[in-house]
Amino acid sequence: MGYFKVKNSILNGNVRISGAKNSALPILAATILSSEKLEIENVPDLLDVQTMIEILRKIGKEVIFENNKVTLNGTVENHVVPYDLVRKMRASFNVAGPLAVILGESKVSLPGGCAIGVRPVDYHIMGLKKLGFEVEIAHGEVYIKKGKKEKEVIINLPFPSVGATEHLMTTAALMEGITVIENAAMEPEIVDLQNFLNSLGAKIQGAGSRKIVIEGVKSLNGRSYKVMPDRIEAGTYAIAIAATGGKGYIEEIIPEHLEILWEILKETGTNVTIEKNRVFVDGKGKKRGININIQPYPGFPTDLQPQILVYLSLADGVSMVVENVFKNRFHHIDELVRMGADIRVVDGTAIVNGVKKLSGTKVEGTDLRATAALIIAGLVAEGTTEVHNDFHVLRGYENIVEKIRHLNGEIEHIV
């Protein structure tokens, strides 16, 4: 495994944001439902995307990935998805339902992904059973067999799970009758998935609200579709620029997807100017502490919690960050403390006492967003920081070294 060598830097300039990983993955999983030619544009070149493409090839799809465009042809033929692929990321489980719809059955290993706390697939399985599937779990594998769906099914999710909402919405698209998902997740990536499916001929409405209604159709067509920009990548670079005291534009984004982040940055002393498809961040001002509640969309995203903790660790006063999505998503705090941060966790709340400086040292990334946060910490810390377990961040940030260097950041990838 490689690592990133990062030195104290002030980030200045403009950064172009890539297509959304968390949108591209469920869209690629949904291509199982169409046997016609599909072209998915603005797909980021990431380890997770490569894993999903390998899964699609394993089950029979012809896939070409060039210049951020995925071209797909053919129908699926193999109902088994092997453990060595599924273990790499959680989003891989979203092929289970669509595969069973097309082939009548699927066998998919229980998924892996980031170590950010317990994330069972219970809600996925509960919803699939509501849709008439028989589900059996044994030896770390989930076997799903298509059964008879009722004409109208209402699935009430106990928690607005993004993965379960996407999985069930996609699966129901080709199932006869009406399916209603109540307490659905509202993230923009779900709206993007609905738009993709509807562009192929699906009949889905309500994405972006707590109630999604799917009217099953008999088949889906082929066409081209462009993935939305990555709001988490955008937020990461905005926080990095602000934390280092720099200034610059976050470009080719949808600013309203991150309204709460812009408000938090403004309230803590960073100047933010919002334009049509870009945002200007000026982090030269003195930073103040703030309290943040991590909540499902439209609340402050859990995927930006590690990054904002770095930012707040150098702000004046005390900040409290309450994690309400993944209570155990604080593994990065031990590493930040080793760098000089004053943070402690009490009952799912990170209490941050602002310090004057951080100091570079060797740290280990524990998950995708935590590793990105430690890179930011390396940029603000005195001296040199080595961020190990590079593969985490390569799962979710396209060309991260090139983009940071373009912003005049000092970073090197050692492999």
Protein backbone atom coordinates (compact mmCIF):
# COMPACT_ATOMS: atom_id res chain seq x y z
CA MET A 1 0.00 0.00 0.00
CA GLY A 2 1.19 3.50 -0.79
CA TYR A 3 0.85 6.78 1.06
CA PHE A 4 0.60 10.52 0.49
CA LYS A 5 3.37 12.87 1.59
CA VAL A 6 1.75 16.24 2.33
CA LYS A 7 3.35 19.56 3.34
CA ASN A 8 1.94 22.75 4.78
CA SER A 9 0.29 24.70 1.95
CA ILE A 10 -2.14 27.50 1.24
CA LEU A 11 -4.55 26.37 -1.49
CA ASN A 12 -5.34 28.98 -4.14
CA GLY A 13 -6.94 28.73 -7.56
CA ASN A 14 -9.80 26.92 -9.25
CA VAL A 15 -10.72 23.24 -9.08
CA ARG A 16 -13.09 21.41 -11.43
CA ILE A 17 -15.31 18.83 -9.73
CA SER A 18 -15.72 15.35 -11.21
CA GLY A 19 -18.89 13.31 -11.64
CA ALA A 20 -20.49 12.00 -8.47
CA LYS A 21 -19.23 8.62 -7.27
CA ASN A 22 -22.37 8.12 -5.18
CA SER A 23 -24.50 8.76 -8.26
CA ALA A 24 -22.44 6.82 -10.82
CA LEU A 25 -22.42 3.60 -8.78
CA PRO A 26 -26.22 3.12 -8.42
CA ILE A 27 -26.69 4.25 -12.04
CA LEU A 28 -24.20 1.62 -13.22
CA ALA A 29 -25.97 -1.00 -11.09
CA ALA A 30 -29.27 0.02 -12.71
CA THR A 31 -27.91 -0.65 -16.22
CA ILE A 32 -28.56 -4.33 -15.49
CA LEU A 33 -32.22 -3.61 -16.29
CA SER A 34 -31.57 -2.67 -19.95
CA SER A 35 -30.14 -4.87 -22.70
CA GLU A 36 -29.80 -1.95 -25.13
CA LYS A 37 -26.74 0.23 -25.68
CA LEU A 38 -26.15 2.73 -22.87
CA GLU A 39 -23.61 5.54 -22.57
CA ILE A 40 -22.99 7.00 -19.12
CA GLU A 41 -20.92 10.19 -19.26
CA ASN A 42 -19.05 12.16 -16.57
CA VAL A 43 -18.19 8.96 -14.69
CA PRO A 44 -15.18 9.48 -12.36
CA ASP A 45 -12.22 7.13 -12.80
CA LEU A 46 -12.10 5.64 -9.30
CA LEU A 47 -11.37 2.29 -7.68
CA ASP A 48 -15.05 1.91 -6.72
CA VAL A 49 -16.17 2.57 -10.30
CA GLN A 50 -13.65 0.02 -11.59
CA THR A 51 -15.04 -2.50 -9.10
CA MET A 52 -18.62 -1.93 -10.28
CA ILE A 53 -17.51 -2.29 -13.90
CA GLU A 54 -15.83 -5.60 -13.05
CA ILE A 55 -19.06 -6.80 -11.42
CA LEU A 56 -21.04 -5.89 -14.54
CA ARG A 57 -18.54 -7.76 -16.73
CA LYS A 58 -18.67 -10.81 -14.43
CA ILE A 59 -22.44 -11.07 -14.86
CA GLY A 60 -22.29 -10.76 -18.65
CA LYS A 61 -22.35 -7.08 -19.64
CA GLU A 62 -20.00 -5.76 -22.33
CA VAL A 63 -18.40 -2.65 -20.79
CA ILE A 64 -15.93 -0.10 -22.15
CA PHE A 65 -14.65 2.72 -19.93
CA GLU A 66 -12.76 5.52 -21.68
CA ASN A 67 -12.40 9.25 -21.05
CA ASN A 68 -14.95 9.25 -18.21
CA LYS A 69 -17.58 7.53 -20.38
CA VAL A 70 -18.92 4.04 -19.73
CA THR A 71 -20.46 2.28 -22.75
CA LEU A 72 -22.55 -0.81 -22.01
CA ASN A 73 -24.11 -3.45 -24.25
CA GLY A 74 -25.76 -6.81 -23.85
CA THR A 75 -27.80 -8.54 -21.21
CA VAL A 76 -26.77 -10.20 -17.97
CA GLU A 77 -26.25 -13.98 -17.96
CA ASN A 78 -24.67 -14.89 -14.62
CA HIS A 79 -26.65 -14.52 -11.39
CA VAL A 80 -23.67 -14.95 -9.02
CA VAL A 81 -21.55 -11.99 -7.87
CA PRO A 82 -18.33 -13.20 -6.18
CA TYR A 83 -17.15 -12.17 -2.73
CA ASP A 84 -13.79 -10.82 -3.92
CA LEU A 85 -15.61 -7.96 -5.68
CA VAL A 86 -18.51 -7.35 -3.29
CA ARG A 87 -16.22 -7.13 -0.25
CA LYS A 88 -14.57 -3.99 -1.67
CA MET A 89 -17.56 -1.65 -1.45
CA ARG A 90 -21.06 -1.49 -0.08
CA ALA A 91 -22.69 -0.16 -3.27
CA SER A 92 -22.05 -3.51 -4.96
CA PHE A 93 -25.01 -5.01 -3.10
CA ASN A 94 -27.33 -2.82 -5.19
CA VAL A 95 -27.00 -5.23 -8.11
CA ALA A 96 -28.81 -7.99 -6.17
CA GLY A 97 -32.41 -6.88 -6.80
CA PRO A 98 -32.04 -5.85 -10.47
CA LEU A 99 -30.17 -9.09 -11.22
CA ALA A 100 -32.97 -11.17 -9.66
CA VAL A 101 -35.57 -9.20 -11.64
CA ILE A 102 -33.85 -10.04 -14.95
CA LEU A 103 -32.66 -13.61 -14.25
CA GLY A 104 -35.19 -14.68 -11.63
CA GLU A 105 -32.50 -15.17 -8.98
CA SER A 106 -29.25 -13.73 -7.68
CA LYS A 107 -26.55 -14.70 -5.22
CA VAL A 108 -24.52 -11.82 -3.81
CA SER A 109 -22.08 -11.83 -0.91
CA LEU A 110 -22.72 -9.53 2.03
CA PRO A 111 -20.91 -6.29 1.18
CA GLY A 112 -17.81 -4.58 2.53
CA GLY A 113 -16.77 -0.92 2.29
CA CYS A 114 -15.62 1.70 4.76
CA ALA A 115 -15.13 0.96 8.45
CA ILE A 116 -17.49 3.64 9.74
CA GLY A 117 -19.75 1.59 11.98
CA VAL A 118 -22.44 -1.04 11.53
CA ARG A 119 -24.27 -0.72 8.22
CA PRO A 120 -26.38 -3.86 7.77
CA VAL A 121 -28.43 -4.53 4.63
CA ASP A 122 -31.55 -5.25 6.71
CA TYR A 123 -33.58 -2.46 5.07
CA HIS A 124 -32.65 -3.71 1.60
CA ILE A 125 -33.75 -7.23 2.48
CA MET A 126 -36.95 -6.09 4.20
CA GLY A 127 -37.88 -4.13 1.07
CA LEU A 128 -37.03 -6.98 -1.30
CA LYS A 129 -39.27 -9.31 0.70
CA LYS A 130 -42.08 -6.74 0.44
CA LEU A 131 -41.61 -6.86 -3.33
CA GLY A 132 -42.24 -10.61 -3.26
CA PHE A 133 -38.69 -11.93 -3.33
CA GLU A 134 -37.64 -14.94 -1.28
CA VAL A 135 -34.43 -14.11 0.57
CA GLU A 136 -32.09 -16.55 2.28
CA ILE A 137 -28.81 -15.63 4.03
CA ALA A 138 -26.22 -18.33 4.63
CA HIS A 139 -22.42 -18.53 4.78
CA GLY A 140 -22.01 -14.81 4.16
CA GLU A 141 -24.10 -14.85 0.98
CA VAL A 142 -27.57 -13.54 0.18
CA TYR A 143 -29.63 -15.72 -2.17
CA ILE A 144 -32.61 -13.94 -3.72
CA LYS A 145 -35.35 -15.61 -5.74
CA LYS A 146 -38.06 -13.70 -7.58
CA GLY A 147 -41.61 -14.40 -6.40
CA LYS A 148 -45.01 -12.81 -7.00
CA LYS A 149 -45.37 -9.13 -6.26
CA GLU A 150 -48.66 -7.66 -5.13
CA LYS A 151 -50.30 -5.03 -7.35
CA GLU A 152 -49.54 -2.30 -4.83
CA VAL A 153 -46.72 -2.45 -2.31
CA ILE A 154 -45.87 0.14 0.33
CA ILE A 155 -42.36 -0.04 1.79
CA ASN A 156 -41.88 2.11 4.90
CA LEU A 157 -38.17 2.42 5.65
CA PRO A 158 -37.36 2.60 9.39
CA PHE A 159 -34.53 5.03 8.50
CA PRO A 160 -34.06 7.04 5.28
CA SER A 161 -31.26 4.81 3.99
CA VAL A 162 -29.72 6.06 0.75
CA GLY A 163 -28.59 2.62 -0.40
CA ALA A 164 -31.90 0.93 0.35
CA THR A 165 -33.89 3.71 -1.33
CA GLU A 166 -31.78 3.44 -4.50
CA HIS A 167 -31.80 -0.37 -4.50
CA LEU A 168 -35.55 -0.73 -4.04
CA MET A 169 -36.43 2.07 -6.48
CA THR A 170 -34.30 0.47 -9.19
CA THR A 171 -35.57 -3.05 -8.51
CA ALA A 172 -39.24 -1.98 -8.63
CA ALA A 173 -38.82 -0.14 -11.96
CA LEU A 174 -39.46 -3.34 -13.97
CA MET A 175 -41.92 -4.97 -11.55
CA GLU A 176 -45.62 -4.92 -12.35
CA GLY A 177 -47.92 -2.63 -10.38
CA ILE A 178 -47.25 0.27 -8.03
CA THR A 179 -44.49 0.46 -5.43
CA VAL A 180 -44.40 3.26 -2.85
CA ILE A 181 -41.29 3.93 -0.76
CA GLU A 182 -42.15 5.91 2.38
CA ASN A 183 -39.51 7.66 4.50
CA ALA A 184 -37.22 7.55 1.49
CA ALA A 185 -33.81 9.20 1.55
CA MET A 186 -33.82 12.62 -0.18
CA GLU A 187 -30.22 12.94 -1.39
CA PRO A 188 -29.57 14.53 -4.80
CA GLU A 189 -27.98 11.28 -5.99
CA ILE A 190 -31.40 9.61 -5.70
CA VAL A 191 -32.91 12.31 -7.91
CA ASP A 192 -30.11 11.66 -10.43
CA LEU A 193 -30.90 7.93 -10.39
CA GLN A 194 -34.61 8.64 -10.92
CA ASN A 195 -33.77 10.94 -13.84
CA PHE A 196 -31.57 8.25 -15.38
CA LEU A 197 -34.19 5.52 -15.05
CA ASN A 198 -36.95 7.79 -16.36
CA SER A 199 -34.77 8.70 -19.35
CA LEU A 200 -34.82 4.98 -20.24
CA GLY A 201 -38.61 4.78 -19.97
CA ALA A 202 -39.22 4.09 -16.27
CA LYS A 203 -42.14 5.78 -14.48
CA ILE A 204 -40.86 7.09 -11.16
CA GLN A 205 -41.78 10.25 -9.31
CA GLY A 206 -41.06 11.80 -5.94
CA ALA A 207 -37.28 11.39 -5.67
CA GLY A 208 -35.97 14.20 -3.50
CA SER A 209 -38.96 13.85 -1.15
CA ARG A 210 -39.82 11.34 1.56
CA LYS A 211 -42.26 9.51 -0.75
CA ILE A 212 -41.27 7.87 -4.03
CA VAL A 213 -43.84 6.22 -6.30
CA ILE A 214 -42.76 3.68 -8.92
CA GLU A 215 -45.10 2.39 -11.62
CA GLY A 216 -43.53 -0.72 -13.10
CA VAL A 217 -42.90 -0.88 -16.85
CA LYS A 218 -42.14 -3.88 -19.07
CA SER A 219 -38.74 -2.80 -20.40
CA LEU A 220 -36.17 -0.01 -20.46
CA ASN A 221 -34.51 1.54 -23.51
CA GLY A 222 -30.95 2.66 -24.25
CA ARG A 223 -29.58 6.19 -24.40
CA SER A 224 -26.84 8.53 -23.17
CA TYR A 225 -26.89 10.11 -19.71
CA LYS A 226 -24.55 12.49 -17.87
CA VAL A 227 -23.86 11.92 -14.17
CA MET A 228 -24.30 14.93 -11.86
CA PRO A 229 -21.24 16.58 -10.20
CA ASP A 230 -19.92 15.19 -6.93
CA ARG A 231 -21.16 17.35 -4.04
CA ILE A 232 -18.94 15.55 -1.50
CA GLU A 233 -15.80 16.14 -3.57
CA ALA A 234 -16.92 19.78 -3.95
CA GLY A 235 -17.39 20.12 -0.19
CA THR A 236 -14.02 18.49 0.51
CA TYR A 237 -12.12 20.99 -1.66
CA ALA A 238 -14.14 23.93 -0.30
CA ILE A 239 -13.22 22.91 3.26
CA ALA A 240 -9.58 22.35 2.26
CA ILE A 241 -9.28 25.82 0.71
CA ALA A 242 -10.97 27.42 3.72
CA ALA A 243 -8.90 25.46 6.28
CA THR A 244 -5.59 26.44 4.67
CA GLY A 245 -6.57 30.12 4.55
CA GLY A 246 -6.59 30.18 0.76
CA LYS A 247 -9.15 31.23 -1.81
CA GLY A 248 -10.52 29.86 -5.05
CA TYR A 249 -13.45 28.65 -7.12
CA ILE A 250 -15.12 25.24 -6.81
CA GLU A 251 -16.28 24.83 -10.40
CA GLU A 252 -18.87 22.83 -12.37
CA ILE A 253 -21.06 22.05 -9.38
CA ILE A 254 -24.70 22.45 -8.31
CA PRO A 255 -24.34 24.89 -5.38
CA GLU A 256 -27.80 24.20 -3.88
CA HIS A 257 -26.70 20.62 -3.13
CA LEU A 258 -24.43 22.01 -0.38
CA GLU A 259 -26.46 24.91 1.03
CA ILE A 260 -25.85 23.87 4.64
CA LEU A 261 -22.07 23.71 4.13
CA TRP A 262 -21.99 27.22 2.67
CA GLU A 263 -23.93 28.47 5.70
CA ILE A 264 -21.58 26.72 8.14
CA LEU A 265 -18.50 28.17 6.42
CA LYS A 266 -20.00 31.67 6.47
CA GLU A 267 -20.97 31.45 10.14
CA THR A 268 -17.46 30.34 11.11
CA GLY A 269 -15.68 33.18 9.30
CA THR A 270 -15.07 31.98 5.74
CA ASN A 271 -16.39 34.17 2.93
CA VAL A 272 -18.49 32.30 0.39
CA THR A 273 -19.87 33.70 -2.88
CA ILE A 274 -22.39 31.50 -4.70
CA GLU A 275 -22.74 31.74 -8.48
CA LYS A 276 -24.70 29.69 -11.04
CA ASN A 277 -22.51 26.62 -11.29
CA ARG A 278 -19.56 27.52 -9.09
CA VAL A 279 -18.76 28.83 -5.62
CA PHE A 280 -15.93 31.14 -4.53
CA VAL A 281 -14.38 30.35 -1.14
CA ASP A 282 -12.13 32.82 0.69
CA GLY A 283 -10.69 31.37 3.88
CA LYS A 284 -8.39 34.22 4.90
CA GLY A 285 -10.56 35.31 7.83
CA LYS A 286 -10.26 34.13 11.42
CA LYS A 287 -12.33 31.01 12.15
CA ARG A 288 -14.89 30.61 14.96
CA GLY A 289 -16.24 27.44 16.53
CA ILE A 290 -19.78 26.22 15.83
CA ASN A 291 -22.14 23.36 16.69
CA ILE A 292 -23.16 21.01 13.86
CA ASN A 293 -25.75 18.22 13.72
CA ILE A 294 -24.89 15.53 11.16
CA GLN A 295 -28.17 14.47 9.55
CA PRO A 296 -29.51 12.85 6.38
CA TYR A 297 -30.01 15.26 3.47
CA PRO A 298 -30.79 18.15 3.50
CA GLY A 299 -28.85 18.18 6.78
CA PHE A 300 -25.06 18.39 7.05
CA PRO A 301 -23.70 15.27 5.31
CA THR A 302 -21.95 12.56 7.25
CA ASP A 303 -19.50 12.24 4.33
CA LEU A 304 -18.17 15.73 5.16
CA GLN A 305 -17.98 15.22 8.93
CA PRO A 306 -14.29 14.17 9.07
CA GLN A 307 -13.25 17.09 6.85
CA ILE A 308 -15.17 19.74 8.84
CA LEU A 309 -13.61 18.40 12.06
CA VAL A 310 -10.17 19.28 10.68
CA TYR A 311 -11.41 22.78 9.84
CA LEU A 312 -12.93 23.26 13.31
CA SER A 313 -9.83 21.93 15.07
CA LEU A 314 -8.11 25.25 14.23
CA ALA A 315 -11.11 27.51 14.93
CA ASP A 316 -11.33 29.71 18.02
CA GLY A 317 -13.48 28.37 20.84
CA VAL A 318 -15.35 25.11 21.30
CA SER A 319 -17.31 23.26 18.61
CA MET A 320 -19.63 20.28 19.02
CA VAL A 321 -20.32 17.92 16.13
CA VAL A 322 -23.12 15.41 16.74
CA GLU A 323 -23.01 12.39 14.41
CA ASN A 324 -26.58 11.13 13.92
CA VAL A 325 -26.03 8.90 10.86
CA PHE A 326 -23.05 6.66 11.73
CA LYS A 327 -22.47 6.97 15.47
CA ASN A 328 -19.05 5.31 15.31
CA ARG A 329 -17.68 7.42 12.46
CA PHE A 330 -14.90 8.93 14.53
CA HIS A 331 -11.89 6.66 13.88
CA HIS A 332 -9.99 9.58 12.33
CA ILE A 333 -10.07 11.56 15.58
CA ASP A 334 -7.27 9.52 17.16
CA GLU A 335 -5.06 10.40 14.20
CA LEU A 336 -5.97 14.10 14.41
CA VAL A 337 -5.17 14.08 18.13
CA ARG A 338 -1.73 12.66 17.28
CA MET A 339 -1.28 15.73 15.08
CA GLY A 340 -2.11 18.05 17.99
CA ALA A 341 -5.89 18.46 17.72
CA ASP A 342 -7.88 18.69 20.97
CA ILE A 343 -10.94 16.52 20.28
CA ARG A 344 -12.80 14.02 22.45
CA VAL A 345 -15.89 11.95 21.78
CA VAL A 346 -18.76 11.64 24.24
CA ASP A 347 -21.89 9.65 23.31
CA GLY A 348 -21.67 10.21 19.57
CA THR A 349 -20.60 13.84 19.89
CA ALA A 350 -17.17 15.18 19.00
CA ILE A 351 -16.18 18.06 21.29
CA VAL A 352 -13.53 20.19 19.59
CA ASN A 353 -11.38 22.72 21.43
CA GLY A 354 -9.66 24.85 18.83
CA VAL A 355 -5.85 24.82 18.86
CA LYS A 356 -3.30 27.19 17.32
CA LYS A 357 -1.62 24.64 15.09
CA LEU A 358 -1.35 21.00 14.00
CA SER A 359 1.97 19.20 13.52
CA GLY A 360 2.85 16.82 10.72
CA THR A 361 3.44 13.14 11.50
CA LYS A 362 2.63 9.66 10.15
CA VAL A 363 -1.10 8.89 10.21
CA GLU A 364 -3.32 6.13 8.86
CA GLY A 365 -6.53 6.61 6.93
CA THR A 366 -9.31 4.33 8.18
CA ASP A 367 -11.94 5.01 5.52
CA LEU A 368 -12.53 7.07 2.39
CA ARG A 369 -13.60 10.41 3.90
CA ALA A 370 -11.33 10.09 6.93
CA THR A 371 -8.32 9.73 4.65
CA ALA A 372 -9.35 12.84 2.69
CA ALA A 373 -9.65 14.68 6.02
CA LEU A 374 -6.14 13.62 7.03
CA ILE A 375 -4.80 14.98 3.74
CA ILE A 376 -6.44 18.32 4.61
CA ALA A 377 -4.85 18.06 8.06
CA GLY A 378 -1.48 17.55 6.38
CA LEU A 379 -2.00 20.69 4.32
CA VAL A 380 -2.68 22.82 7.42
CA ALA A 381 -0.09 21.18 9.69
CA GLU A 382 3.45 22.41 10.25
CA GLY A 383 6.07 20.21 8.63
CA THR A 384 5.43 17.03 6.67
CA THR A 385 2.58 14.53 7.09
CA GLU A 386 2.46 10.99 5.72
CA VAL A 387 -1.10 9.74 5.16
CA HIS A 388 -1.01 5.96 4.82
CA ASN A 389 -3.59 3.53 3.37
CA ASP A 390 -3.81 5.47 0.11
CA PHE A 391 -6.37 3.08 -1.43
CA HIS A 392 -9.16 4.54 0.70
CA VAL A 393 -9.03 7.97 -0.89
CA LEU A 394 -8.45 6.53 -4.38
CA ARG A 395 -11.88 4.90 -4.06
CA GLY A 396 -13.62 8.28 -4.09
CA TYR A 397 -11.46 11.20 -5.32
CA GLU A 398 -10.47 11.37 -8.98
CA ASN A 399 -6.98 12.81 -9.65
CA ILE A 400 -6.69 14.10 -6.08
CA VAL A 401 -2.92 14.69 -6.30
CA GLU A 402 -3.19 16.61 -9.57
CA LYS A 403 -6.09 18.72 -8.28
CA ILE A 404 -4.34 19.65 -5.03
CA ARG A 405 -1.16 20.50 -6.92
CA HIS A 406 -3.21 22.66 -9.31
CA LEU A 407 -4.28 24.58 -6.19
CA ASN A 408 -0.58 25.01 -5.27
CA GLY A 409 -0.73 22.33 -2.61
CA GLU A 410 2.38 20.29 -1.86
CA ILE A 411 1.46 16.60 -2.10
CA GLU A 412 3.20 13.52 -3.42
CA HIS A 413 1.81 10.00 -3.91
CA ILE A 414 4.37 7.38 -2.91
CA VAL A 415 3.59 3.91 -4.27
